[in-house]
C-alpha atoms as a PDB file:
ATOM      1  CA  MET A   1       0.183   0.024   0.127  1.00  0.00           C
ATOM      2  CA  GLY A   2       1.302   3.549  -0.751  1.00  0.00           C
ATOM      3  CA  ASN A   3       1.849   6.594   1.262  1.00  0.00           C
ATOM      4  CA  ALA A   4      -1.973   7.774   0.046  1.00  0.00           C
ATOM      5  CA  GLY A   5      -3.429   4.351   0.975  1.00  0.00           C
ATOM      6  CA  HIS A   6      -1.570   4.881   4.367  1.00  0.00           C
ATOM      7  CA  ARG A   7      -2.962   8.355   4.734  1.00  0.00           C
ATOM      8  CA  VAL A   8      -6.765   6.936   4.391  1.00  0.00           C
ATOM      9  CA  THR A   9      -5.683   4.583   7.149  1.00  0.00           C
ATOM     10  CA  VAL A  10      -4.514   6.997   9.397  1.00  0.00           C
ATOM     11  CA  SER A  11      -7.312   9.225   8.876  1.00  0.00           C
ATOM     12  CA  LEU A  12      -9.669   6.479   9.933  1.00  0.00           C
ATOM     13  CA  LEU A  13      -7.766   5.856  13.101  1.00  0.00           C
ATOM     14  CA  GLN A  14      -7.869   9.485  14.007  1.00  0.00           C
ATOM     15  CA  GLN A  15     -11.638   9.764  13.371  1.00  0.00           C
ATOM     16  CA  LEU A  16     -12.307   6.417  15.623  1.00  0.00           C
ATOM     17  CA  ALA A  17      -9.885   7.970  18.173  1.00  0.00           C
ATOM     18  CA  TYR A  18     -11.742  11.193  18.493  1.00  0.00           C
ATOM     19  CA  GLN A  19     -15.060   9.465  18.646  1.00  0.00           C
ATOM     20  CA  GLY A  20     -14.250   7.302  21.675  1.00  0.00           C
ATOM     21  CA  SER A  21     -12.586  10.330  23.195  1.00  0.00           C
ATOM     22  CA  GLN A  22     -16.076  11.673  23.420  1.00  0.00           C
ATOM     23  CA  ASP A  23     -17.530   8.466  24.858  1.00  0.00           C
ATOM     24  CA  PRO A  24     -18.475   8.745  28.481  1.00  0.00           C
ATOM     25  CA  VAL A  25     -17.887   4.906  28.901  1.00  0.00           C
ATOM     26  CA  LEU A  26     -14.538   5.101  27.521  1.00  0.00           C
ATOM     27  CA  ILE A  27     -13.492   8.525  29.039  1.00  0.00           C
ATOM     28  CA  GLY A  28     -14.495   6.531  32.707  1.00  0.00           C
ATOM     29  CA  PHE A  29     -12.109   4.011  31.654  1.00  0.00           C
ATOM     30  CA  ALA A  30      -9.286   6.259  31.131  1.00  0.00           C
ATOM     31  CA  ARG A  31      -9.736   8.174  34.220  1.00  0.00           C
ATOM     32  CA  ARG A  32      -9.593   4.753  35.969  1.00  0.00           C
ATOM     33  CA  ALA A  33      -6.225   3.990  34.104  1.00  0.00           C
ATOM     34  CA  THR A  34      -4.595   7.186  35.528  1.00  0.00           C
ATOM     35  CA  VAL A  35      -5.967   6.742  39.388  1.00  0.00           C
ATOM     36  CA  PHE A  36      -2.453   6.056  40.610  1.00  0.00           C
ATOM     37  CA  ALA A  37      -0.908   8.953  38.608  1.00  0.00           C
ATOM     38  CA  GLN A  38       0.437  12.191  40.236  1.00  0.00           C
ATOM     39  CA  GLU A  39      -2.124  14.904  39.453  1.00  0.00           C
ATOM     40  CA  LYS A  40      -1.228  16.835  36.601  1.00  0.00           C
ATOM     41  CA  ASP A  41       1.907  14.445  35.465  1.00  0.00           C
ATOM     42  CA  PRO A  42       1.305  13.617  31.735  1.00  0.00           C
ATOM     43  CA  LEU A  43       4.023  11.063  31.948  1.00  0.00           C
ATOM     44  CA  GLU A  44       2.386   9.393  34.758  1.00  0.00           C
ATOM     45  CA  GLU A  45      -1.019   9.790  33.270  1.00  0.00           C
ATOM     46  CA  ALA A  46       0.310   7.998  29.831  1.00  0.00           C
ATOM     47  CA  GLN A  47       2.029   5.222  31.901  1.00  0.00           C
ATOM     48  CA  GLY A  48      -1.177   4.505  33.355  1.00  0.00           C
ATOM     49  CA  VAL A  49      -3.189   4.249  30.149  1.00  0.00           C
ATOM     50  CA  LEU A  50      -0.472   2.291  28.690  1.00  0.00           C
ATOM     51  CA  SER A  51      -0.274  -0.108  31.409  1.00  0.00           C
ATOM     52  CA  MET A  52      -4.149  -0.391  31.053  1.00  0.00           C
ATOM     53  CA  VAL A  53      -4.112  -0.815  27.526  1.00  0.00           C
ATOM     54  CA  GLN A  54      -1.404  -3.368  27.930  1.00  0.00           C
ATOM     55  CA  GLY A  55      -3.133  -5.203  30.616  1.00  0.00           C
ATOM     56  CA  THR A  56      -6.351  -5.402  29.313  1.00  0.00           C
ATOM     57  CA  MET A  57      -5.734  -6.417  25.499  1.00  0.00           C
ATOM     58  CA  ARG A  58      -4.317  -9.031  23.648  1.00  0.00           C
ATOM     59  CA  TYR A  59      -2.043  -8.607  20.828  1.00  0.00           C
ATOM     60  CA  THR A  60      -2.923 -10.501  17.816  1.00  0.00           C
ATOM     61  CA  GLN A  61      -2.422 -10.063  14.131  1.00  0.00           C
ATOM     62  CA  ASP A  62      -5.086  -9.631  11.698  1.00  0.00           C
ATOM     63  CA  PRO A  63      -6.333 -12.238   9.361  1.00  0.00           C
ATOM     64  CA  VAL A  64      -3.956 -13.013   6.397  1.00  0.00           C
ATOM     65  CA  SER A  65      -4.972 -10.465   3.590  1.00  0.00           C
ATOM     66  CA  ALA A  66      -7.482  -8.618   5.741  1.00  0.00           C
ATOM     67  CA  GLU A  67      -6.882  -5.204   7.484  1.00  0.00           C
ATOM     68  CA  LEU A  68      -9.136  -5.026  10.408  1.00  0.00           C
ATOM     69  CA  VAL A  69      -9.643  -2.220  12.662  1.00  0.00           C
ATOM     70  CA  THR A  70     -11.827  -2.234  15.752  1.00  0.00           C
ATOM     71  CA  ASP A  71     -13.598   0.956  17.149  1.00  0.00           C
ATOM     72  CA  PRO A  72     -11.843   1.637  20.600  1.00  0.00           C
ATOM     73  CA  ARG A  73     -15.293   2.177  22.118  1.00  0.00           C
ATOM     74  CA  ILE A  74     -16.132  -1.726  21.085  1.00  0.00           C
ATOM     75  CA  LEU A  75     -12.813  -2.723  23.022  1.00  0.00           C
ATOM     76  CA  VAL A  76     -13.451  -0.848  25.830  1.00  0.00           C
ATOM     77  CA  ARG A  77     -17.211  -2.249  26.151  1.00  0.00           C
ATOM     78  CA  GLN A  78     -15.611  -5.832  25.562  1.00  0.00           C
ATOM     79  CA  ILE A  79     -12.963  -5.168  28.341  1.00  0.00           C
ATOM     80  CA  GLU A  80     -15.447  -3.580  30.893  1.00  0.00           C
ATOM     81  CA  SER A  81     -17.819  -6.781  30.529  1.00  0.00           C
ATOM     82  CA  GLY A  82     -14.956  -8.805  31.346  1.00  0.00           C
ATOM     83  CA  GLN A  83     -14.206 -10.273  27.795  1.00  0.00           C
ATOM     84  CA  THR A  84     -10.675 -10.260  26.583  1.00  0.00           C
ATOM     85  CA  ALA A  85     -10.264  -7.713  23.788  1.00  0.00           C
ATOM     86  CA  TYR A  86      -7.988  -8.354  20.975  1.00  0.00           C
ATOM     87  CA  GLY A  87      -6.109  -6.377  18.548  1.00  0.00           C
ATOM     88  CA  ASP A  88      -3.167  -5.489  16.483  1.00  0.00           C
ATOM     89  CA  CYS A  89      -0.690  -2.506  16.852  1.00  0.00           C
ATOM     90  CA  ASP A  90      -3.750  -0.252  14.773  1.00  0.00           C
ATOM     91  CA  ASP A  91      -6.346  -1.230  17.411  1.00  0.00           C
ATOM     92  CA  MET A  92      -4.099  -0.732  20.496  1.00  0.00           C
ATOM     93  CA  ALA A  93      -2.906   2.499  19.401  1.00  0.00           C
ATOM     94  CA  THR A  94      -6.458   3.830  18.378  1.00  0.00           C
ATOM     95  CA  LEU A  95      -7.493   2.874  21.914  1.00  0.00           C
ATOM     96  CA  THR A  96      -4.335   4.336  23.555  1.00  0.00           C
ATOM     97  CA  ALA A  97      -5.060   7.755  21.678  1.00  0.00           C
ATOM     98  CA  ALA A  98      -8.432   7.793  22.433  1.00  0.00           C
ATOM     99  CA  MET A  99      -7.918   7.104  26.209  1.00  0.00           C
ATOM    100  CA  LEU A 100      -5.426  10.046  26.280  1.00  0.00           C
ATOM    101  CA  MET A 101      -7.472  12.547  24.488  1.00  0.00           C
ATOM    102  CA  ALA A 102     -10.362  11.674  26.848  1.00  0.00           C
ATOM    103  CA  ILE A 103      -8.055  12.692  29.970  1.00  0.00           C
ATOM    104  CA  GLY A 104      -7.080  15.834  27.901  1.00  0.00           C
ATOM    105  CA  HIS A 105      -3.775  14.858  26.090  1.00  0.00           C
ATOM    106  CA  PRO A 106      -2.777  15.922  22.373  1.00  0.00           C
ATOM    107  CA  VAL A 107      -1.476  12.978  20.370  1.00  0.00           C
ATOM    108  CA  ARG A 108      -0.375  12.147  16.954  1.00  0.00           C
ATOM    109  CA  PHE A 109      -0.240   8.763  15.245  1.00  0.00           C
ATOM    110  CA  VAL A 110       3.328   7.879  13.977  1.00  0.00           C
ATOM    111  CA  THR A 111       3.785   5.091  11.526  1.00  0.00           C
ATOM    112  CA  PHE A 112       6.943   3.049  10.968  1.00  0.00           C
ATOM    113  CA  GLY A 113       8.547   1.266   8.284  1.00  0.00           C
ATOM    114  CA  ARG A 114      11.903  -0.170   7.130  1.00  0.00           C
ATOM    115  CA  ASP A 115      10.591   0.154   3.202  1.00  0.00           C
ATOM    116  CA  PRO A 116      12.397   3.492   1.735  1.00  0.00           C
ATOM    117  CA  ARG A 117       9.474   3.975  -0.638  1.00  0.00           C
ATOM    118  CA  GLY A 118       7.390   4.784   2.347  1.00  0.00           C
ATOM    119  CA  SER A 119       5.435   1.613   3.184  1.00  0.00           C
ATOM    120  CA  TRP A 120       4.647   0.943   6.799  1.00  0.00           C
ATOM    121  CA  GLU A 121       4.514  -1.942   9.153  1.00  0.00           C
ATOM    122  CA  HIS A 122       3.805  -0.578  12.469  1.00  0.00           C
ATOM    123  CA  ILE A 123       1.951   2.458  13.830  1.00  0.00           C
ATOM    124  CA  TYR A 124       2.064   3.787  17.370  1.00  0.00           C
ATOM    125  CA  ILE A 125       0.915   7.240  19.222  1.00  0.00           C
ATOM    126  CA  GLN A 126       3.013   9.975  20.590  1.00  0.00           C
ATOM    127  CA  MET A 127       1.339  12.626  23.300  1.00  0.00           C
ATOM    128  CA  TYR A 128       2.451  15.938  23.730  1.00  0.00           C
ATOM    129  CA  ASP A 129       3.519  16.043  27.700  1.00  0.00           C
ATOM    130  CA  ALA A 130       2.858  20.101  28.052  1.00  0.00           C
ATOM    131  CA  LEU A 131       4.426  20.068  31.644  1.00  0.00           C
ATOM    132  CA  ARG A 132       7.822  19.079  29.800  1.00  0.00           C
ATOM    133  CA  SER A 133       7.320  20.436  26.387  1.00  0.00           C
ATOM    134  CA  ASN A 134       8.117  17.526  24.004  1.00  0.00           C
ATOM    135  CA  TRP A 135       6.264  14.481  22.537  1.00  0.00           C
ATOM    136  CA  VAL A 136       6.640  11.178  24.119  1.00  0.00           C
ATOM    137  CA  SER A 137       6.148   7.801  22.292  1.00  0.00           C
ATOM    138  CA  VAL A 138       3.435   5.473  23.707  1.00  0.00           C
ATOM    139  CA  ASP A 139       3.920   2.214  22.011  1.00  0.00           C
ATOM    140  CA  PRO A 140       1.248  -0.189  23.777  1.00  0.00           C
ATOM    141  CA  ILE A 141       2.357  -3.458  21.607  1.00  0.00           C
ATOM    142  CA  MET A 142       5.864  -3.364  23.169  1.00  0.00           C
ATOM    143  CA  LYS A 143       5.431  -4.465  26.555  1.00  0.00           C
ATOM    144  CA  ASP A 144       8.886  -5.216  27.163  1.00  0.00           C
ATOM    145  CA  GLU A 145       9.868  -1.391  26.482  1.00  0.00           C
ATOM    146  CA  ASN A 146       9.591   1.762  28.671  1.00  0.00           C
ATOM    147  CA  LEU A 147       7.263   4.806  27.965  1.00  0.00           C
ATOM    148  CA  GLY A 148       9.106   6.980  25.576  1.00  0.00           C
ATOM    149  CA  TYR A 149      10.533   3.860  23.189  1.00  0.00           C
ATOM    150  CA  SER A 150      10.208   3.889  19.709  1.00  0.00           C
ATOM    151  CA  PRO A 151      11.544   1.651  16.939  1.00  0.00           C
ATOM    152  CA  PRO A 152      15.321   2.058  16.034  1.00  0.00           C
ATOM    153  CA  GLY A 153      16.041   2.220  12.474  1.00  0.00           C
ATOM    154  CA  GLY A 154      13.932   2.960   9.512  1.00  0.00           C
ATOM    155  CA  THR A 155      11.290   5.742   8.911  1.00  0.00           C
ATOM    156  CA  ASN A 156       8.789   7.235  11.382  1.00  0.00           C
ATOM    157  CA  VAL A 157       6.178   9.761   9.759  1.00  0.00           C
ATOM    158  CA  ALA A 158       3.875  11.532  12.489  1.00  0.00           C
ATOM    159  CA  PHE A 159       0.676  12.431  11.458  1.00  0.00           C
ATOM    160  CA  GLY A 160      -1.543  15.575  12.261  1.00  0.00           C
ATOM    161  CA  VAL A 161      -1.678  16.490  16.077  1.00  0.00           C
ATOM    162  CA  MET A 162      -5.468  15.684  18.049  1.00  0.00           C
ATOM    163  CA  ARG A 163      -6.497  17.589  20.432  1.00  0.00           C
END
């Protein structure tokens, strides 16, 4: 898929994240994720959201030759009802973005790829840390990495800021 196709995909993810960030159930879920965070500390809030997504979702790849995208509102309702929520990097990134926006943090999607023609193979989130005036990578599928991790090498492309 070329860059134009990726922009359509990222545009869809942005739309789903924005809609999710306005949902009362998702807002409550995001707030619960930050219950142990120090107030007004964006990094601690991001860590709470990251831990919640990683602890309640199971990473699974999409079917062969199909790109599935699950609305974050559906994922939250599955989690809240005690079901296991499944998704790949775009699903987990969209849920993370919606949750961070729901608690007041600007975010942007970032694609990563090793193909010099611009194809990408992974997507994650960056959140703007207003306290420290910088962007912080938040990658929910990288459970063994710390907040701030971004894939080494390759090309990262950030898409428009969502508030």
